[in-house]
Amino acid sequence: MKYIHVDNQQSLVFSQTDMPEITADECLIKVHAIGINRADLLQRAGKYPAPAGESSILGLEVSGEIVQCGEAVSDNNLAQSWQVGDKVFGLVAGGGYAQYVKVKARQLFCLPEQFTFEQGAACAEVFLTAYQSLFSIAKLANNSNVLIHAGASGVGSAAIQLARAKQCYVTVTVGSEAKALACLALGADCAINYQKNDFVAWSKENVSAGYDVIIDVVSGEYLAKNINVAALDGHIVTLSMLGGRYCSQVDIAKLLAKRLTLSASTLRNRSEDYKAQLVDNFSSDFYADLVNGQIKPIIDSIYPWQQVEQAHEKMAKNKNVGKLVLLVN
């Protein structure tokens, strides 16, 4: 099969490799569309290797059709019985930038009938990451105050929709007026352009009670700022460190006084059982909303997979609103 290979100069080139061999609890997927994630850029740069035993090929989420099922996949113990020809989307720990990929059956979703493969490829990683952050980790309650940094990102756009579905007051930070308008259109109550306004000063004036949950992909000096605007018993969930790995000024007294919880999480290196349970929980809570259009994947651009370099460049420059998707043609 064809796949996209990272060569010695960290360039992306097409190459050939053997098709994956599935185990009893896996399905082989013919890939039609691939979701791009910032983790792909980090792995390409040698900073985020695949977990031990997983494919070293880039790619964490795909959409396509099942061409082979493992012998245990039709087991009645599975929440969903799969068969050849089913259209699906789902998470993979690696191997997505290829014509075929193997996926644990319990980590697959049925592609809604009205969805394109491109829409399917824009769902799994962002909605599961947002769901994990808001509900599995932060235990978000209805009518809470939520702050989402990088609101126009894939995860940000998913988190806005999930929080609004629980009647939360949602504030986002973004880097441009165009991104602010996009977030407001998605349901955010307020969008702060950090190029023009300090989100701490704005929040102190406009959200005096503070934020019950803060989703942060920036980290670095944002940690101290997040503590400043968090509510009593608030929860700060860190997902990435685009602003750096260290914070020079953390007020521990304020952390204690507010009884804050700090969490950090990734999804890729979680156990198979954890991911399967996350898929089940999201499906129970929100899959129907995905089918009926109450929540939806937000796609910035779709590229033929021959233009993967252009797609990576756009993400590296933070120019996307929502997901970037590769179409395997």
C-alpha atoms as a PDB file:
ATOM      1  CA  MET A   1       0.000   0.000   0.000  1.00  0.00           C
ATOM      2  CA  LYS A   2       0.975   3.644  -0.342  1.00  0.00           C
ATOM      3  CA  TYR A   3       1.666   5.725   2.720  1.00  0.00           C
ATOM      4  CA  ILE A   4       3.191   9.092   3.574  1.00  0.00           C
ATOM      5  CA  HIS A   5       6.712   8.700   4.930  1.00  0.00           C
ATOM      6  CA  VAL A   6       8.853  11.162   6.908  1.00  0.00           C
ATOM      7  CA  ASP A   7      12.294  11.052   5.299  1.00  0.00           C
ATOM      8  CA  ASN A   8      15.656  11.926   6.853  1.00  0.00           C
ATOM      9  CA  GLN A   9      15.141  15.618   6.082  1.00  0.00           C
ATOM     10  CA  GLN A  10      11.715  15.537   7.790  1.00  0.00           C
ATOM     11  CA  SER A  11      10.033  15.945   4.411  1.00  0.00           C
ATOM     12  CA  LEU A  12       6.806  14.091   3.604  1.00  0.00           C
ATOM     13  CA  VAL A  13       7.105  11.706   0.669  1.00  0.00           C
ATOM     14  CA  PHE A  14       5.041   8.820  -0.669  1.00  0.00           C
ATOM     15  CA  SER A  15       6.422   5.354  -0.156  1.00  0.00           C
ATOM     16  CA  GLN A  16       5.282   1.729  -0.195  1.00  0.00           C
ATOM     17  CA  THR A  17       4.896  -0.684   2.695  1.00  0.00           C
ATOM     18  CA  ASP A  18       3.083  -3.900   3.580  1.00  0.00           C
ATOM     19  CA  MET A  19      -0.571  -3.710   4.509  1.00  0.00           C
ATOM     20  CA  PRO A  20      -1.283  -4.070   8.244  1.00  0.00           C
ATOM     21  CA  GLU A  21      -2.198  -7.474   9.619  1.00  0.00           C
ATOM     22  CA  ILE A  22      -5.146  -7.337  11.996  1.00  0.00           C
ATOM     23  CA  THR A  23      -5.678  -9.228  15.233  1.00  0.00           C
ATOM     24  CA  ALA A  24      -8.934 -10.794  16.408  1.00  0.00           C
ATOM     25  CA  ASP A  25     -10.352  -7.557  17.885  1.00  0.00           C
ATOM     26  CA  GLU A  26      -9.387  -5.253  15.002  1.00  0.00           C
ATOM     27  CA  CYS A  27     -10.774  -4.120  11.665  1.00  0.00           C
ATOM     28  CA  LEU A  28      -8.831  -3.241   8.529  1.00  0.00           C
ATOM     29  CA  ILE A  29     -10.011   0.080   7.146  1.00  0.00           C
ATOM     30  CA  LYS A  30      -9.641   1.319   3.579  1.00  0.00           C
ATOM     31  CA  VAL A  31      -8.866   4.966   4.270  1.00  0.00           C
ATOM     32  CA  HIS A  32     -10.814   7.621   2.377  1.00  0.00           C
ATOM     33  CA  ALA A  33      -9.999  10.661   4.522  1.00  0.00           C
ATOM     34  CA  ILE A  34      -7.472  11.561   7.232  1.00  0.00           C
ATOM     35  CA  GLY A  35      -7.736  14.132   9.992  1.00  0.00           C
ATOM     36  CA  ILE A  36      -4.607  16.224  10.599  1.00  0.00           C
ATOM     37  CA  ASN A  37      -3.585  16.949  14.181  1.00  0.00           C
ATOM     38  CA  ARG A  38      -0.797  19.007  15.715  1.00  0.00           C
ATOM     39  CA  ALA A  39       0.568  15.742  17.092  1.00  0.00           C
ATOM     40  CA  ASP A  40       1.376  14.802  13.489  1.00  0.00           C
ATOM     41  CA  LEU A  41       3.623  17.865  13.178  1.00  0.00           C
ATOM     42  CA  LEU A  42       5.334  17.044  16.466  1.00  0.00           C
ATOM     43  CA  GLN A  43       5.905  13.422  15.457  1.00  0.00           C
ATOM     44  CA  ARG A  44       7.266  14.563  12.100  1.00  0.00           C
ATOM     45  CA  ALA A  45       9.760  16.768  13.956  1.00  0.00           C
ATOM     46  CA  GLY A  46      10.869  13.836  16.117  1.00  0.00           C
ATOM     47  CA  LYS A  47       9.244  15.201  19.292  1.00  0.00           C
ATOM     48  CA  TYR A  48       6.261  12.859  19.705  1.00  0.00           C
ATOM     49  CA  PRO A  49       7.049   9.249  18.796  1.00  0.00           C
ATOM     50  CA  ALA A  50       4.335   6.635  18.446  1.00  0.00           C
ATOM     51  CA  PRO A  51       3.643   4.533  21.552  1.00  0.00           C
ATOM     52  CA  ALA A  52       5.594   1.295  21.779  1.00  0.00           C
ATOM     53  CA  GLY A  53       4.229  -1.370  19.459  1.00  0.00           C
ATOM     54  CA  GLU A  54       2.182   1.049  17.338  1.00  0.00           C
ATOM     55  CA  SER A  55       2.755   2.044  13.720  1.00  0.00           C
ATOM     56  CA  SER A  56       5.375   4.757  13.225  1.00  0.00           C
ATOM     57  CA  ILE A  57       3.372   6.137  10.281  1.00  0.00           C
ATOM     58  CA  LEU A  58       1.781   9.517  11.019  1.00  0.00           C
ATOM     59  CA  GLY A  59      -1.954   9.878  11.560  1.00  0.00           C
ATOM     60  CA  LEU A  60      -4.288   9.551  14.561  1.00  0.00           C
ATOM     61  CA  GLU A  61      -7.763   9.560  12.989  1.00  0.00           C
ATOM     62  CA  VAL A  62      -9.287   8.265   9.790  1.00  0.00           C
ATOM     63  CA  SER A  63     -12.568   7.710   8.024  1.00  0.00           C
ATOM     64  CA  GLY A  64     -13.235   4.957   5.520  1.00  0.00           C
ATOM     65  CA  GLU A  65     -14.805   1.562   5.050  1.00  0.00           C
ATOM     66  CA  ILE A  66     -14.142  -1.795   6.636  1.00  0.00           C
ATOM     67  CA  VAL A  67     -12.534  -4.329   4.304  1.00  0.00           C
ATOM     68  CA  GLN A  68     -11.666  -7.027   6.855  1.00  0.00           C
ATOM     69  CA  CYS A  69     -12.834  -7.943  10.351  1.00  0.00           C
ATOM     70  CA  GLY A  70     -11.012  -9.906  13.025  1.00  0.00           C
ATOM     71  CA  GLU A  71     -12.663 -13.092  14.224  1.00  0.00           C
ATOM     72  CA  ALA A  72     -13.800 -11.542  17.527  1.00  0.00           C
ATOM     73  CA  VAL A  73     -15.264  -8.381  16.016  1.00  0.00           C
ATOM     74  CA  SER A  74     -18.755  -9.828  15.610  1.00  0.00           C
ATOM     75  CA  ASP A  75     -18.699 -10.987  19.241  1.00  0.00           C
ATOM     76  CA  ASN A  76     -21.971 -10.250  21.016  1.00  0.00           C
ATOM     77  CA  ASN A  77     -20.018  -8.671  23.879  1.00  0.00           C
ATOM     78  CA  LEU A  78     -19.118  -5.714  21.672  1.00  0.00           C
ATOM     79  CA  ALA A  79     -21.356  -2.658  21.828  1.00  0.00           C
ATOM     80  CA  GLN A  80     -21.301  -2.535  18.024  1.00  0.00           C
ATOM     81  CA  SER A  81     -21.007  -5.469  15.626  1.00  0.00           C
ATOM     82  CA  TRP A  82     -19.032  -4.546  12.513  1.00  0.00           C
ATOM     83  CA  GLN A  83     -18.941  -6.144   9.089  1.00  0.00           C
ATOM     84  CA  VAL A  84     -17.154  -5.652   5.788  1.00  0.00           C
ATOM     85  CA  GLY A  85     -18.520  -2.663   3.897  1.00  0.00           C
ATOM     86  CA  ASP A  86     -19.477  -0.605   6.957  1.00  0.00           C
ATOM     87  CA  LYS A  87     -18.544   3.065   6.717  1.00  0.00           C
ATOM     88  CA  VAL A  88     -16.760   4.200   9.862  1.00  0.00           C
ATOM     89  CA  PHE A  89     -14.484   6.741  11.488  1.00  0.00           C
ATOM     90  CA  GLY A  90     -12.270   6.409  14.514  1.00  0.00           C
ATOM     91  CA  LEU A  91      -9.060   6.783  16.467  1.00  0.00           C
ATOM     92  CA  VAL A  92      -5.769   5.103  15.711  1.00  0.00           C
ATOM     93  CA  ALA A  93      -2.555   5.301  17.740  1.00  0.00           C
ATOM     94  CA  GLY A  94      -0.612   5.617  14.481  1.00  0.00           C
ATOM     95  CA  GLY A  95      -0.712   4.613  10.841  1.00  0.00           C
ATOM     96  CA  GLY A  96      -3.441   6.923   9.567  1.00  0.00           C
ATOM     97  CA  TYR A  97      -1.481   8.490   6.671  1.00  0.00           C
ATOM     98  CA  ALA A  98      -1.901   5.383   4.534  1.00  0.00           C
ATOM     99  CA  GLN A  99      -4.272   3.642   2.148  1.00  0.00           C
ATOM    100  CA  TYR A 100      -5.136   1.049   4.811  1.00  0.00           C
ATOM    101  CA  VAL A 101      -4.957   1.094   8.596  1.00  0.00           C
ATOM    102  CA  LYS A 102      -5.922  -1.303  11.373  1.00  0.00           C
ATOM    103  CA  VAL A 103      -8.204  -0.061  14.138  1.00  0.00           C
ATOM    104  CA  LYS A 104      -9.459  -1.600  17.353  1.00  0.00           C
ATOM    105  CA  ALA A 105     -13.116  -2.363  16.727  1.00  0.00           C
ATOM    106  CA  ARG A 106     -14.163  -0.745  20.007  1.00  0.00           C
ATOM    107  CA  GLN A 107     -12.588   2.543  18.910  1.00  0.00           C
ATOM    108  CA  LEU A 108     -14.744   2.876  15.800  1.00  0.00           C
ATOM    109  CA  PHE A 109     -17.851   4.958  15.207  1.00  0.00           C
ATOM    110  CA  CYS A 110     -20.470   4.348  12.550  1.00  0.00           C
ATOM    111  CA  LEU A 111     -20.273   7.137   9.977  1.00  0.00           C
ATOM    112  CA  PRO A 112     -23.627   8.965  10.083  1.00  0.00           C
ATOM    113  CA  GLU A 113     -25.562   8.404   6.866  1.00  0.00           C
ATOM    114  CA  GLN A 114     -25.502  12.066   5.880  1.00  0.00           C
ATOM    115  CA  PHE A 115     -21.770  12.506   6.611  1.00  0.00           C
ATOM    116  CA  THR A 116     -19.030  12.574   4.018  1.00  0.00           C
ATOM    117  CA  PHE A 117     -15.816  10.694   4.724  1.00  0.00           C
ATOM    118  CA  GLU A 118     -14.145  14.097   5.126  1.00  0.00           C
ATOM    119  CA  GLN A 119     -16.565  14.997   7.915  1.00  0.00           C
ATOM    120  CA  GLY A 120     -15.931  11.648   9.570  1.00  0.00           C
ATOM    121  CA  ALA A 121     -12.184  12.265   9.536  1.00  0.00           C
ATOM    122  CA  ALA A 122     -12.745  15.566  11.374  1.00  0.00           C
ATOM    123  CA  CYS A 123     -14.569  14.072  14.364  1.00  0.00           C
ATOM    124  CA  ALA A 124     -12.853  11.441  16.472  1.00  0.00           C
ATOM    125  CA  GLU A 125      -9.734  13.097  17.864  1.00  0.00           C
ATOM    126  CA  VAL A 126     -11.226  16.525  18.527  1.00  0.00           C
ATOM    127  CA  PHE A 127     -14.557  15.447  19.992  1.00  0.00           C
ATOM    128  CA  LEU A 128     -13.052  12.691  22.132  1.00  0.00           C
ATOM    129  CA  THR A 129     -10.288  15.012  23.392  1.00  0.00           C
ATOM    130  CA  ALA A 130     -12.795  17.753  24.186  1.00  0.00           C
ATOM    131  CA  TYR A 131     -15.195  15.276  25.815  1.00  0.00           C
ATOM    132  CA  GLN A 132     -12.415  13.705  27.878  1.00  0.00           C
ATOM    133  CA  SER A 133     -11.225  17.127  29.057  1.00  0.00           C
ATOM    134  CA  LEU A 134     -14.618  18.596  29.925  1.00  0.00           C
ATOM    135  CA  PHE A 135     -16.443  15.579  31.309  1.00  0.00           C
ATOM    136  CA  SER A 136     -14.134  12.640  32.098  1.00  0.00           C
ATOM    137  CA  ILE A 137     -11.513  14.850  33.767  1.00  0.00           C
ATOM    138  CA  ALA A 138     -13.131  18.154  34.791  1.00  0.00           C
ATOM    139  CA  LYS A 139     -16.635  16.740  35.515  1.00  0.00           C
ATOM    140  CA  LEU A 140     -18.254  19.761  33.866  1.00  0.00           C
ATOM    141  CA  ALA A 141     -21.654  20.607  35.340  1.00  0.00           C
ATOM    142  CA  ASN A 142     -24.495  22.315  33.531  1.00  0.00           C
ATOM    143  CA  ASN A 143     -24.523  26.118  33.572  1.00  0.00           C
ATOM    144  CA  SER A 144     -20.824  26.410  34.439  1.00  0.00           C
ATOM    145  CA  ASN A 145     -18.394  29.086  33.263  1.00  0.00           C
ATOM    146  CA  VAL A 146     -15.896  27.668  30.773  1.00  0.00           C
ATOM    147  CA  LEU A 147     -12.744  29.205  29.270  1.00  0.00           C
ATOM    148  CA  ILE A 148     -11.289  27.558  26.148  1.00  0.00           C
ATOM    149  CA  HIS A 149      -7.934  28.707  24.839  1.00  0.00           C
ATOM    150  CA  ALA A 150      -7.344  28.394  21.075  1.00  0.00           C
ATOM    151  CA  GLY A 151     -11.088  28.323  20.580  1.00  0.00           C
ATOM    152  CA  ALA A 152     -10.853  28.155  16.789  1.00  0.00           C
ATOM    153  CA  SER A 153      -8.715  25.012  16.791  1.00  0.00           C
ATOM    154  CA  GLY A 154     -10.186  21.600  16.116  1.00  0.00           C
ATOM    155  CA  VAL A 155     -10.403  20.717  19.810  1.00  0.00           C
ATOM    156  CA  GLY A 156     -11.527  24.249  20.654  1.00  0.00           C
ATOM    157  CA  SER A 157     -14.380  24.182  18.151  1.00  0.00           C
ATOM    158  CA  ALA A 158     -15.527  20.809  19.514  1.00  0.00           C
ATOM    159  CA  ALA A 159     -15.251  21.954  23.138  1.00  0.00           C
ATOM    160  CA  ILE A 160     -17.363  25.058  22.452  1.00  0.00           C
ATOM    161  CA  GLN A 161     -20.178  22.910  21.111  1.00  0.00           C
ATOM    162  CA  LEU A 162     -20.063  20.340  23.916  1.00  0.00           C
ATOM    163  CA  ALA A 163     -20.011  23.000  26.626  1.00  0.00           C
ATOM    164  CA  ARG A 164     -22.865  24.936  25.032  1.00  0.00           C
ATOM    165  CA  ALA A 165     -24.883  21.713  24.853  1.00  0.00           C
ATOM    166  CA  LYS A 166     -24.752  21.761  28.680  1.00  0.00           C
ATOM    167  CA  GLN A 167     -25.915  25.396  28.811  1.00  0.00           C
ATOM    168  CA  CYS A 168     -22.502  26.636  29.912  1.00  0.00           C
ATOM    169  CA  TYR A 169     -21.261  30.204  29.530  1.00  0.00           C
ATOM    170  CA  VAL A 170     -18.319  29.847  27.133  1.00  0.00           C
ATOM    171  CA  THR A 171     -15.440  32.289  26.695  1.00  0.00           C
ATOM    172  CA  VAL A 172     -12.646  31.599  24.199  1.00  0.00           C
ATOM    173  CA  THR A 173      -9.305  33.152  23.370  1.00  0.00           C
ATOM    174  CA  VAL A 174      -8.276  33.470  19.719  1.00  0.00           C
ATOM    175  CA  GLY A 175      -5.596  35.182  17.637  1.00  0.00           C
ATOM    176  CA  SER A 176      -7.674  37.088  15.066  1.00  0.00           C
ATOM    177  CA  GLU A 177     -11.025  38.752  14.538  1.00  0.00           C
ATOM    178  CA  ALA A 178     -11.944  36.164  11.900  1.00  0.00           C
ATOM    179  CA  LYS A 179     -11.394  33.377  14.447  1.00  0.00           C
ATOM    180  CA  ALA A 180     -13.402  35.303  17.033  1.00  0.00           C
ATOM    181  CA  LEU A 181     -16.362  35.552  14.664  1.00  0.00           C
ATOM    182  CA  ALA A 182     -16.109  31.837  13.860  1.00  0.00           C
ATOM    183  CA  CYS A 183     -16.214  30.911  17.549  1.00  0.00           C
ATOM    184  CA  LEU A 184     -19.168  33.190  18.214  1.00  0.00           C
ATOM    185  CA  ALA A 185     -21.012  31.571  15.315  1.00  0.00           C
ATOM    186  CA  LEU A 186     -20.389  28.186  16.946  1.00  0.00           C
ATOM    187  CA  GLY A 187     -22.034  29.332  20.153  1.00  0.00           C
ATOM    188  CA  ALA A 188     -19.272  30.897  22.236  1.00  0.00           C
ATOM    189  CA  ASP A 189     -20.641  33.731  24.373  1.00  0.00           C
ATOM    190  CA  CYS A 190     -17.453  35.809  24.226  1.00  0.00           C
ATOM    191  CA  ALA A 191     -14.297  35.670  22.135  1.00  0.00           C
ATOM    192  CA  ILE A 192     -11.175  37.496  23.338  1.00  0.00           C
ATOM    193  CA  ASN A 193      -8.583  38.369  20.701  1.00  0.00           C
ATOM    194  CA  TYR A 194      -5.362  38.015  22.688  1.00  0.00           C
ATOM    195  CA  GLN A 195      -3.573  40.200  20.140  1.00  0.00           C
ATOM    196  CA  LYS A 196      -5.686  43.127  21.356  1.00  0.00           C
ATOM    197  CA  ASN A 197      -6.884  42.299  24.867  1.00  0.00           C
ATOM    198  CA  ASP A 198      -5.482  40.631  27.959  1.00  0.00           C
ATOM    199  CA  PHE A 199      -7.821  37.777  28.831  1.00  0.00           C
ATOM    200  CA  VAL A 200      -7.060  38.069  32.556  1.00  0.00           C
ATOM    201  CA  ALA A 201      -8.071  41.743  32.735  1.00  0.00           C
ATOM    202  CA  TRP A 202     -11.126  41.104  30.556  1.00  0.00           C
ATOM    203  CA  SER A 203     -12.229  38.136  32.636  1.00  0.00           C
ATOM    204  CA  LYS A 204     -11.795  39.954  35.951  1.00  0.00           C
ATOM    205  CA  GLU A 205     -14.150  42.634  34.680  1.00  0.00           C
ATOM    206  CA  ASN A 206     -16.689  40.465  32.857  1.00  0.00           C
ATOM    207  CA  VAL A 207     -16.655  37.038  34.555  1.00  0.00           C
ATOM    208  CA  SER A 208     -16.134  38.045  38.154  1.00  0.00           C
ATOM    209  CA  ALA A 209     -17.012  34.615  39.548  1.00  0.00           C
ATOM    210  CA  GLY A 210     -14.196  33.055  37.511  1.00  0.00           C
ATOM    211  CA  TYR A 211     -14.164  29.972  35.320  1.00  0.00           C
ATOM    212  CA  ASP A 212     -15.182  26.579  36.635  1.00  0.00           C
ATOM    213  CA  VAL A 213     -13.304  24.764  33.853  1.00  0.00           C
ATOM    214  CA  ILE A 214     -10.381  26.013  31.758  1.00  0.00           C
ATOM    215  CA  ILE A 215      -9.128  24.052  28.736  1.00  0.00           C
ATOM    216  CA  ASP A 216      -5.574  25.092  27.881  1.00  0.00           C
ATOM    217  CA  VAL A 217      -3.316  24.082  24.986  1.00  0.00           C
ATOM    218  CA  VAL A 218      -0.918  27.006  25.519  1.00  0.00           C
ATOM    219  CA  SER A 219       0.537  26.329  28.983  1.00  0.00           C
ATOM    220  CA  GLY A 220       3.813  28.122  29.790  1.00  0.00           C
ATOM    221  CA  GLU A 221       3.006  31.478  31.393  1.00  0.00           C
ATOM    222  CA  TYR A 222      -0.697  30.841  30.800  1.00  0.00           C
ATOM    223  CA  LEU A 223      -0.731  28.600  33.870  1.00  0.00           C
ATOM    224  CA  ALA A 224      -0.348  31.544  36.235  1.00  0.00           C
ATOM    225  CA  LYS A 225      -2.946  33.514  34.265  1.00  0.00           C
ATOM    226  CA  ASN A 226      -5.380  30.617  34.373  1.00  0.00           C
ATOM    227  CA  ILE A 227      -5.025  30.394  38.149  1.00  0.00           C
ATOM    228  CA  ASN A 228      -5.834  34.103  38.311  1.00  0.00           C
ATOM    229  CA  VAL A 229      -9.170  33.719  36.511  1.00  0.00           C
ATOM    230  CA  ALA A 230     -10.244  30.313  37.832  1.00  0.00           C
ATOM    231  CA  ALA A 231     -13.295  30.040  40.076  1.00  0.00           C
ATOM    232  CA  LEU A 232     -13.355  28.560  43.550  1.00  0.00           C
ATOM    233  CA  ASP A 233     -12.964  24.766  43.167  1.00  0.00           C
ATOM    234  CA  GLY A 234     -12.144  25.322  39.494  1.00  0.00           C
ATOM    235  CA  HIS A 235     -10.429  22.797  37.248  1.00  0.00           C
ATOM    236  CA  ILE A 236      -7.622  23.625  34.790  1.00  0.00           C
ATOM    237  CA  VAL A 237      -6.969  20.962  32.139  1.00  0.00           C
ATOM    238  CA  THR A 238      -3.722  21.259  30.167  1.00  0.00           C
ATOM    239  CA  LEU A 239      -3.572  19.440  26.827  1.00  0.00           C
ATOM    240  CA  SER A 240      -0.467  20.879  25.186  1.00  0.00           C
ATOM    241  CA  MET A 241       2.335  23.395  25.668  1.00  0.00           C
ATOM    242  CA  LEU A 242       2.368  25.640  22.623  1.00  0.00           C
ATOM    243  CA  GLY A 243       3.513  28.487  24.872  1.00  0.00           C
ATOM    244  CA  GLY A 244       6.373  26.551  26.446  1.00  0.00           C
ATOM    245  CA  ARG A 245       6.907  23.887  29.071  1.00  0.00           C
ATOM    246  CA  TYR A 246       7.772  26.128  32.034  1.00  0.00           C
ATOM    247  CA  CYS A 247       5.925  28.783  34.026  1.00  0.00           C
ATOM    248  CA  SER A 248       8.102  31.142  36.073  1.00  0.00           C
ATOM    249  CA  GLN A 249       5.406  32.616  38.320  1.00  0.00           C
ATOM    250  CA  VAL A 250       2.849  30.343  39.964  1.00  0.00           C
ATOM    251  CA  ASP A 251       1.062  31.703  43.030  1.00  0.00           C
ATOM    252  CA  ILE A 252       0.686  28.613  45.204  1.00  0.00           C
ATOM    253  CA  ALA A 253      -1.226  30.597  47.819  1.00  0.00           C
ATOM    254  CA  LYS A 254      -3.880  31.473  45.254  1.00  0.00           C
ATOM    255  CA  LEU A 255      -3.956  27.847  44.094  1.00  0.00           C
ATOM    256  CA  LEU A 256      -4.657  26.746  47.661  1.00  0.00           C
ATOM    257  CA  ALA A 257      -7.117  29.506  48.452  1.00  0.00           C
ATOM    258  CA  LYS A 258      -9.221  28.662  45.403  1.00  0.00           C
ATOM    259  CA  ARG A 259      -8.905  24.884  45.994  1.00  0.00           C
ATOM    260  CA  LEU A 260      -8.004  24.437  42.324  1.00  0.00           C
ATOM    261  CA  THR A 261      -7.412  21.149  40.520  1.00  0.00           C
ATOM    262  CA  LEU A 262      -4.701  21.060  37.859  1.00  0.00           C
ATOM    263  CA  SER A 263      -4.820  18.179  35.374  1.00  0.00           C
ATOM    264  CA  ALA A 264      -2.702  17.329  32.351  1.00  0.00           C
ATOM    265  CA  SER A 265      -3.719  14.774  29.776  1.00  0.00           C
ATOM    266  CA  THR A 266      -2.969  13.175  26.439  1.00  0.00           C
ATOM    267  CA  LEU A 267      -5.155  10.688  24.595  1.00  0.00           C
ATOM    268  CA  ARG A 268      -2.830   8.854  22.212  1.00  0.00           C
ATOM    269  CA  ASN A 269      -0.941   6.830  24.832  1.00  0.00           C
ATOM    270  CA  ARG A 270      -4.012   5.852  26.858  1.00  0.00           C
ATOM    271  CA  SER A 271      -4.847   2.168  27.136  1.00  0.00           C
ATOM    272  CA  GLU A 272      -7.118   0.442  24.648  1.00  0.00           C
ATOM    273  CA  ASP A 273      -9.728  -0.083  27.354  1.00  0.00           C
ATOM    274  CA  TYR A 274      -9.645   3.593  28.314  1.00  0.00           C
ATOM    275  CA  LYS A 275     -10.169   4.703  24.709  1.00  0.00           C
ATOM    276  CA  ALA A 276     -12.938   2.156  24.195  1.00  0.00           C
ATOM    277  CA  GLN A 277     -14.737   3.370  27.312  1.00  0.00           C
ATOM    278  CA  LEU A 278     -14.318   6.974  26.168  1.00  0.00           C
ATOM    279  CA  VAL A 279     -15.880   6.081  22.805  1.00  0.00           C
ATOM    280  CA  ASP A 280     -18.776   4.368  24.601  1.00  0.00           C
ATOM    281  CA  ASN A 281     -19.340   7.319  26.936  1.00  0.00           C
ATOM    282  CA  PHE A 282     -19.221   9.908  24.158  1.00  0.00           C
ATOM    283  CA  SER A 283     -21.566   7.792  22.071  1.00  0.00           C
ATOM    284  CA  SER A 284     -24.076   7.584  24.920  1.00  0.00           C
ATOM    285  CA  ASP A 285     -23.941  11.313  25.631  1.00  0.00           C
ATOM    286  CA  PHE A 286     -23.434  12.983  22.259  1.00  0.00           C
ATOM    287  CA  TYR A 287     -23.497  10.636  19.245  1.00  0.00           C
ATOM    288  CA  ALA A 288     -27.191  11.330  18.650  1.00  0.00           C
ATOM    289  CA  ASP A 289     -26.392  15.064  18.625  1.00  0.00           C
ATOM    290  CA  LEU A 290     -23.738  14.411  15.984  1.00  0.00           C
ATOM    291  CA  VAL A 291     -26.228  12.505  13.841  1.00  0.00           C
ATOM    292  CA  ASN A 292     -28.952  15.130  14.091  1.00  0.00           C
ATOM    293  CA  GLY A 293     -26.621  18.069  13.566  1.00  0.00           C
ATOM    294  CA  GLN A 294     -26.805  19.570  17.051  1.00  0.00           C
ATOM    295  CA  ILE A 295     -23.015  19.306  17.107  1.00  0.00           C
ATOM    296  CA  LYS A 296     -20.870  19.064  14.004  1.00  0.00           C
ATOM    297  CA  PRO A 297     -17.285  18.782  12.810  1.00  0.00           C
ATOM    298  CA  ILE A 298     -15.823  22.113  11.707  1.00  0.00           C
ATOM    299  CA  ILE A 299     -13.601  21.777   8.626  1.00  0.00           C
ATOM    300  CA  ASP A 300     -11.311  24.585   7.517  1.00  0.00           C
ATOM    301  CA  SER A 301      -9.848  22.976   4.396  1.00  0.00           C
ATOM    302  CA  ILE A 302      -9.735  19.676   2.530  1.00  0.00           C
ATOM    303  CA  TYR A 303      -6.580  18.767   0.623  1.00  0.00           C
ATOM    304  CA  PRO A 304      -5.796  15.841  -1.664  1.00  0.00           C
ATOM    305  CA  TRP A 305      -3.239  13.863   0.263  1.00  0.00           C
ATOM    306  CA  GLN A 306      -0.608  14.755  -2.324  1.00  0.00           C
ATOM    307  CA  GLN A 307      -0.781  18.266  -0.791  1.00  0.00           C
ATOM    308  CA  VAL A 308      -0.005  17.152   2.743  1.00  0.00           C
ATOM    309  CA  GLU A 309       2.912  19.607   2.952  1.00  0.00           C
ATOM    310  CA  GLN A 310       0.594  22.555   2.332  1.00  0.00           C
ATOM    311  CA  ALA A 311      -1.807  21.278   4.973  1.00  0.00           C
ATOM    312  CA  HIS A 312       0.964  20.897   7.557  1.00  0.00           C
ATOM    313  CA  GLU A 313       2.254  24.371   6.749  1.00  0.00           C
ATOM    314  CA  LYS A 314      -1.175  25.904   7.313  1.00  0.00           C
ATOM    315  CA  MET A 315      -1.498  24.225  10.701  1.00  0.00           C
ATOM    316  CA  ALA A 316       2.033  25.230  11.686  1.00  0.00           C
ATOM    317  CA  LYS A 317       1.115  28.871  10.985  1.00  0.00           C
ATOM    318  CA  ASN A 318      -2.116  28.588  13.032  1.00  0.00           C
ATOM    319  CA  LYS A 319      -4.196  29.723  10.074  1.00  0.00           C
ATOM    320  CA  ASN A 320      -6.946  27.131  10.330  1.00  0.00           C
ATOM    321  CA  VAL A 321     -10.390  27.479  11.889  1.00  0.00           C
ATOM    322  CA  GLY A 322     -11.395  23.917  12.729  1.00  0.00           C
ATOM    323  CA  LYS A 323      -9.944  20.819  11.113  1.00  0.00           C
ATOM    324  CA  LEU A 324      -7.647  20.224   8.181  1.00  0.00           C
ATOM    325  CA  VAL A 325      -8.424  17.015   6.295  1.00  0.00           C
ATOM    326  CA  LEU A 326      -6.571  14.963   3.685  1.00  0.00           C
ATOM    327  CA  LEU A 327      -8.595  13.176   0.994  1.00  0.00           C
ATOM    328  CA  VAL A 328      -7.101   9.882  -0.178  1.00  0.00           C
ATOM    329  CA  ASN A 329      -7.723   9.743  -3.909  1.00  0.00           C
END
